[in-house]
Amino acid sequence: MAGFNAELPTELIKTFQKLESNTEEMLSEMTRAGAEVVYKQVKSNMKSSFKSTESLDKGLKITKSYKTPTDDGINTKVGFYGYNDEGVPIPLIALAREFGTSRGEKKKPFFRKAFRQETAITNAMIKAQEKYIKNE
């Protein structure tokens, strides 16, 4: 019967042990960094889709990072929450502009476009990861 014996450098073992204890924190920071890139892009895209973005600006938020119970994934959301001054839900206003309405308002996508810059999102997430994993 064949045998295999492998030895890992102690630095590598220490890195793995540190990563194991900080994995959830690292993933939270990574998703937060990606969400911040999307948040900034959505804010800039709103200016081209709306005449006034004042009421929407207060409703655009980044959630806390959380762990999903079904698959133990780490998520951070960017979304619209709350109501404007007239009592209309801000998510409803955003959806009507993003996808259009049955009453004839044309769609002017601004939210989905924010996710097209995958390299910027990925780079922000990798930068957050580098705090935990030192590339040598």
C-alpha atoms as a PDB file:
ATOM      1  CA  MET A   1       0.000   0.000   0.000  1.00  0.00           C
ATOM      2  CA  ALA A   2       1.325   3.459  -0.947  1.00  0.00           C
ATOM      3  CA  GLY A   3       1.898   6.109   1.695  1.00  0.00           C
ATOM      4  CA  PHE A   4       2.052   9.874   1.566  1.00  0.00           C
ATOM      5  CA  ASN A   5       3.706  12.195   4.034  1.00  0.00           C
ATOM      6  CA  ALA A   6       3.439  15.992   3.679  1.00  0.00           C
ATOM      7  CA  GLU A   7       4.786  18.751   5.850  1.00  0.00           C
ATOM      8  CA  LEU A   8       3.444  22.291   5.786  1.00  0.00           C
ATOM      9  CA  PRO A   9       5.517  25.271   6.823  1.00  0.00           C
ATOM     10  CA  THR A  10       4.547  26.558  10.272  1.00  0.00           C
ATOM     11  CA  GLU A  11       3.775  30.007   8.831  1.00  0.00           C
ATOM     12  CA  LEU A  12       1.175  28.478   6.545  1.00  0.00           C
ATOM     13  CA  ILE A  13      -0.386  26.535   9.409  1.00  0.00           C
ATOM     14  CA  LYS A  14      -0.593  29.719  11.507  1.00  0.00           C
ATOM     15  CA  THR A  15      -2.216  31.562   8.591  1.00  0.00           C
ATOM     16  CA  PHE A  16      -4.846  28.827   8.245  1.00  0.00           C
ATOM     17  CA  GLN A  17      -5.556  28.861  11.987  1.00  0.00           C
ATOM     18  CA  LYS A  18      -5.941  32.643  11.989  1.00  0.00           C
ATOM     19  CA  LEU A  19      -8.206  32.453   8.937  1.00  0.00           C
ATOM     20  CA  GLU A  20     -10.399  29.826  10.542  1.00  0.00           C
ATOM     21  CA  SER A  21     -11.094  32.049  13.529  1.00  0.00           C
ATOM     22  CA  ASN A  22     -11.678  35.207  11.429  1.00  0.00           C
ATOM     23  CA  THR A  23     -13.502  33.812   8.391  1.00  0.00           C
ATOM     24  CA  GLU A  24     -16.925  35.228   9.202  1.00  0.00           C
ATOM     25  CA  GLU A  25     -15.484  38.653  10.020  1.00  0.00           C
ATOM     26  CA  MET A  26     -13.413  38.658   6.815  1.00  0.00           C
ATOM     27  CA  LEU A  27     -16.383  37.699   4.630  1.00  0.00           C
ATOM     28  CA  SER A  28     -18.509  40.376   6.295  1.00  0.00           C
ATOM     29  CA  GLU A  29     -15.908  43.016   5.499  1.00  0.00           C
ATOM     30  CA  MET A  30     -15.564  41.745   1.939  1.00  0.00           C
ATOM     31  CA  THR A  31     -19.297  41.879   1.218  1.00  0.00           C
ATOM     32  CA  ARG A  32     -19.498  45.301   2.886  1.00  0.00           C
ATOM     33  CA  ALA A  33     -16.709  46.626   0.651  1.00  0.00           C
ATOM     34  CA  GLY A  34     -18.492  45.324  -2.454  1.00  0.00           C
ATOM     35  CA  ALA A  35     -21.783  46.814  -1.271  1.00  0.00           C
ATOM     36  CA  GLU A  36     -20.160  50.228  -0.766  1.00  0.00           C
ATOM     37  CA  VAL A  37     -18.974  50.239  -4.388  1.00  0.00           C
ATOM     38  CA  VAL A  38     -22.504  49.397  -5.561  1.00  0.00           C
ATOM     39  CA  TYR A  39     -23.982  52.043  -3.216  1.00  0.00           C
ATOM     40  CA  LYS A  40     -21.805  54.796  -4.688  1.00  0.00           C
ATOM     41  CA  GLN A  41     -22.641  53.734  -8.230  1.00  0.00           C
ATOM     42  CA  VAL A  42     -26.392  53.620  -7.540  1.00  0.00           C
ATOM     43  CA  LYS A  43     -26.211  57.129  -6.060  1.00  0.00           C
ATOM     44  CA  SER A  44     -24.500  58.455  -9.184  1.00  0.00           C
ATOM     45  CA  ASN A  45     -26.888  56.556 -11.513  1.00  0.00           C
ATOM     46  CA  MET A  46     -29.945  58.001  -9.734  1.00  0.00           C
ATOM     47  CA  LYS A  47     -28.975  61.501 -10.865  1.00  0.00           C
ATOM     48  CA  SER A  48     -29.485  60.533 -14.515  1.00  0.00           C
ATOM     49  CA  SER A  49     -32.807  58.750 -13.903  1.00  0.00           C
ATOM     50  CA  PHE A  50     -34.569  61.197 -11.562  1.00  0.00           C
ATOM     51  CA  LYS A  51     -35.067  64.961 -11.598  1.00  0.00           C
ATOM     52  CA  SER A  52     -34.754  65.177  -7.820  1.00  0.00           C
ATOM     53  CA  THR A  53     -33.075  62.465  -5.772  1.00  0.00           C
ATOM     54  CA  GLU A  54     -33.450  64.083  -2.351  1.00  0.00           C
ATOM     55  CA  SER A  55     -36.182  61.769  -1.011  1.00  0.00           C
ATOM     56  CA  LEU A  56     -34.547  58.689  -2.562  1.00  0.00           C
ATOM     57  CA  ASP A  57     -31.151  59.508  -1.043  1.00  0.00           C
ATOM     58  CA  LYS A  58     -32.541  59.113   2.466  1.00  0.00           C
ATOM     59  CA  GLY A  59     -34.028  55.731   1.571  1.00  0.00           C
ATOM     60  CA  LEU A  60     -30.934  54.199  -0.022  1.00  0.00           C
ATOM     61  CA  LYS A  61     -29.152  52.169   2.639  1.00  0.00           C
ATOM     62  CA  ILE A  62     -26.557  49.448   3.148  1.00  0.00           C
ATOM     63  CA  THR A  63     -27.660  46.796   5.638  1.00  0.00           C
ATOM     64  CA  LYS A  64     -25.499  45.222   8.296  1.00  0.00           C
ATOM     65  CA  SER A  65     -23.727  42.073   7.198  1.00  0.00           C
ATOM     66  CA  TYR A  66     -25.641  38.997   8.262  1.00  0.00           C
ATOM     67  CA  LYS A  67     -25.449  35.243   8.024  1.00  0.00           C
ATOM     68  CA  THR A  68     -28.226  33.479   6.127  1.00  0.00           C
ATOM     69  CA  PRO A  69     -29.774  30.570   8.026  1.00  0.00           C
ATOM     70  CA  THR A  70     -30.357  28.356   4.988  1.00  0.00           C
ATOM     71  CA  ASP A  71     -26.854  28.173   3.525  1.00  0.00           C
ATOM     72  CA  ASP A  72     -24.636  29.962   6.110  1.00  0.00           C
ATOM     73  CA  GLY A  73     -23.693  32.576   3.511  1.00  0.00           C
ATOM     74  CA  ILE A  74     -22.637  36.093   4.501  1.00  0.00           C
ATOM     75  CA  ASN A  75     -24.680  38.871   2.865  1.00  0.00           C
ATOM     76  CA  THR A  76     -24.794  42.648   2.832  1.00  0.00           C
ATOM     77  CA  LYS A  77     -27.653  44.297   0.957  1.00  0.00           C
ATOM     78  CA  VAL A  78     -27.991  47.639  -0.793  1.00  0.00           C
ATOM     79  CA  GLY A  79     -31.606  48.703  -1.080  1.00  0.00           C
ATOM     80  CA  PHE A  80     -34.325  51.278  -0.653  1.00  0.00           C
ATOM     81  CA  TYR A  81     -36.213  51.521   2.637  1.00  0.00           C
ATOM     82  CA  GLY A  82     -38.814  53.826   4.137  1.00  0.00           C
ATOM     83  CA  TYR A  83     -41.272  56.410   2.831  1.00  0.00           C
ATOM     84  CA  ASN A  84     -40.936  59.795   1.166  1.00  0.00           C
ATOM     85  CA  ASP A  85     -42.531  62.999   2.488  1.00  0.00           C
ATOM     86  CA  GLU A  86     -45.876  62.243   0.793  1.00  0.00           C
ATOM     87  CA  GLY A  87     -46.075  58.785   2.386  1.00  0.00           C
ATOM     88  CA  VAL A  88     -45.228  56.823  -0.772  1.00  0.00           C
ATOM     89  CA  PRO A  89     -42.883  53.852  -0.252  1.00  0.00           C
ATOM     90  CA  ILE A  90     -39.420  54.676  -1.601  1.00  0.00           C
ATOM     91  CA  PRO A  91     -38.905  51.104  -2.917  1.00  0.00           C
ATOM     92  CA  LEU A  92     -42.076  51.507  -4.993  1.00  0.00           C
ATOM     93  CA  ILE A  93     -40.758  54.711  -6.573  1.00  0.00           C
ATOM     94  CA  ALA A  94     -37.428  53.043  -7.351  1.00  0.00           C
ATOM     95  CA  LEU A  95     -39.105  49.963  -8.859  1.00  0.00           C
ATOM     96  CA  ALA A  96     -41.363  52.097 -11.049  1.00  0.00           C
ATOM     97  CA  ARG A  97     -38.344  53.888 -12.468  1.00  0.00           C
ATOM     98  CA  GLU A  98     -36.210  50.771 -12.780  1.00  0.00           C
ATOM     99  CA  PHE A  99     -38.784  48.624 -14.598  1.00  0.00           C
ATOM    100  CA  GLY A 100     -41.394  51.112 -15.808  1.00  0.00           C
ATOM    101  CA  THR A 101     -45.116  51.047 -15.038  1.00  0.00           C
ATOM    102  CA  SER A 102     -48.261  49.743 -16.681  1.00  0.00           C
ATOM    103  CA  ARG A 103     -49.456  53.347 -16.951  1.00  0.00           C
ATOM    104  CA  GLY A 104     -46.846  54.160 -19.532  1.00  0.00           C
ATOM    105  CA  GLU A 105     -43.798  55.364 -17.601  1.00  0.00           C
ATOM    106  CA  LYS A 106     -40.751  54.162 -19.501  1.00  0.00           C
ATOM    107  CA  LYS A 107     -38.119  52.190 -17.675  1.00  0.00           C
ATOM    108  CA  LYS A 108     -34.861  53.946 -16.865  1.00  0.00           C
ATOM    109  CA  PRO A 109     -32.627  51.352 -15.206  1.00  0.00           C
ATOM    110  CA  PHE A 110     -30.248  52.772 -12.632  1.00  0.00           C
ATOM    111  CA  PHE A 111     -29.948  50.059  -9.974  1.00  0.00           C
ATOM    112  CA  ARG A 112     -29.020  47.071 -12.147  1.00  0.00           C
ATOM    113  CA  LYS A 113     -26.386  49.138 -13.961  1.00  0.00           C
ATOM    114  CA  ALA A 114     -24.474  49.477 -10.695  1.00  0.00           C
ATOM    115  CA  PHE A 115     -23.636  45.768 -10.758  1.00  0.00           C
ATOM    116  CA  ARG A 116     -22.042  45.902 -14.221  1.00  0.00           C
ATOM    117  CA  GLN A 117     -18.709  47.071 -12.858  1.00  0.00           C
ATOM    118  CA  GLU A 118     -17.675  43.652 -11.623  1.00  0.00           C
ATOM    119  CA  THR A 119     -13.957  44.441 -11.591  1.00  0.00           C
ATOM    120  CA  ALA A 120     -14.396  47.403  -9.226  1.00  0.00           C
ATOM    121  CA  ILE A 121     -16.553  45.315  -6.885  1.00  0.00           C
ATOM    122  CA  THR A 122     -14.123  42.404  -7.002  1.00  0.00           C
ATOM    123  CA  ASN A 123     -11.117  44.655  -6.413  1.00  0.00           C
ATOM    124  CA  ALA A 124     -12.770  46.238  -3.369  1.00  0.00           C
ATOM    125  CA  MET A 125     -13.525  42.799  -1.967  1.00  0.00           C
ATOM    126  CA  ILE A 126      -9.982  41.573  -2.594  1.00  0.00           C
ATOM    127  CA  LYS A 127      -8.588  44.688  -0.909  1.00  0.00           C
ATOM    128  CA  ALA A 128     -10.681  43.906   2.180  1.00  0.00           C
ATOM    129  CA  GLN A 129      -9.488  40.290   2.067  1.00  0.00           C
ATOM    130  CA  GLU A 130      -5.843  41.335   2.014  1.00  0.00           C
ATOM    131  CA  LYS A 131      -6.131  42.560   5.595  1.00  0.00           C
ATOM    132  CA  TYR A 132      -6.541  38.941   6.651  1.00  0.00           C
ATOM    133  CA  ILE A 133      -4.461  37.097   4.061  1.00  0.00           C
ATOM    134  CA  LYS A 134      -1.061  38.566   3.458  1.00  0.00           C
ATOM    135  CA  ASN A 135       0.128  37.886  -0.110  1.00  0.00           C
ATOM    136  CA  GLU A 136       3.842  37.278   0.013  1.00  0.00           C
END
